[in-house]
Amino acid sequence: MPTLAPTSLAVSAAVADHREAAEHTVDELPETIQGLGHRMSSADIRAVEAGVDSATVDDLVALAVAL
């Protein structure tokens, strides 16, 4: 499994921190994101937060607006 770049790892931590600060669970956040017109599942969010997958630019914009 490839290691994510330091920037992606920082994004992983930031997404988790901001999600928790906004008092969203991983299972609630996809509904908010889908309301913005972007499709992202709770599994996608878990993968980003765990540093397993990096987020796309579209994912990052949707996450930023949702959080």
Protein backbone atom coordinates (compact mmCIF):
# COMPACT_ATOMS: atom_id res chain seq x y z
CA MET A 1 0.00 0.00 0.00
CA PRO A 2 1.48 3.37 -0.99
CA THR A 3 2.13 5.94 1.68
CA LEU A 4 0.24 9.20 1.33
CA ALA A 5 2.12 12.46 0.96
CA PRO A 6 2.50 14.64 4.06
CA THR A 7 -0.09 17.08 2.71
CA SER A 8 -2.67 14.30 2.34
CA LEU A 9 -1.93 13.11 5.86
CA ALA A 10 -2.43 16.65 7.17
CA VAL A 11 -5.75 16.83 5.31
CA SER A 12 -6.76 13.52 6.91
CA ALA A 13 -6.24 14.92 10.37
CA ALA A 14 -7.89 18.24 9.52
CA VAL A 15 -11.02 16.58 8.12
CA ALA A 16 -11.42 14.50 11.28
CA ASP A 17 -10.80 17.50 13.54
CA HIS A 18 -13.23 19.77 11.72
CA ARG A 19 -15.88 17.06 11.46
CA GLU A 20 -15.70 16.45 15.20
CA ALA A 21 -15.75 20.20 15.93
CA ALA A 22 -18.87 20.54 13.76
CA GLU A 23 -20.38 17.67 15.76
CA HIS A 24 -21.01 15.53 12.67
CA THR A 25 -20.57 11.77 12.77
CA VAL A 26 -18.97 10.01 9.83
CA ASP A 27 -22.40 8.61 9.03
CA GLU A 28 -24.13 12.04 9.08
CA LEU A 29 -21.64 13.98 6.99
CA PRO A 30 -22.37 12.26 3.64
CA GLU A 31 -25.98 13.45 3.79
CA THR A 32 -24.80 17.04 4.21
CA ILE A 33 -22.30 16.65 1.38
CA GLN A 34 -24.88 15.07 -0.91
CA GLY A 35 -27.16 18.02 -0.20
CA LEU A 36 -24.43 20.16 -1.78
CA GLY A 37 -24.54 18.06 -4.94
CA HIS A 38 -21.43 15.96 -4.30
CA ARG A 39 -21.45 12.24 -3.71
CA MET A 40 -19.25 10.97 -0.90
CA SER A 41 -20.01 7.95 1.28
CA SER A 42 -19.18 7.41 4.92
CA ALA A 43 -16.65 4.79 3.74
CA ASP A 44 -15.00 7.48 1.58
CA ILE A 45 -14.78 9.84 4.56
CA ARG A 46 -13.40 7.10 6.81
CA ALA A 47 -10.74 6.29 4.20
CA VAL A 48 -9.71 9.95 3.96
CA GLU A 49 -9.61 10.39 7.75
CA ALA A 50 -7.63 7.16 8.20
CA GLY A 51 -5.08 8.21 5.59
CA VAL A 52 -5.94 5.25 3.38
CA ASP A 53 -7.12 7.38 0.43
CA SER A 54 -6.47 10.95 -0.51
CA ALA A 55 -9.35 13.34 -1.15
CA THR A 56 -9.99 14.78 -4.59
CA VAL A 57 -10.22 18.51 -5.10
CA ASP A 58 -14.00 18.13 -5.44
CA ASP A 59 -14.10 16.15 -2.16
CA LEU A 60 -12.10 18.87 -0.40
CA VAL A 61 -14.37 21.66 -1.62
CA ALA A 62 -17.49 19.75 -0.55
CA LEU A 63 -15.96 18.93 2.83
CA ALA A 64 -14.92 22.55 3.36
CA VAL A 65 -18.40 23.86 2.60
CA ALA A 66 -20.11 21.15 4.68
CA LEU A 67 -17.87 21.72 7.67
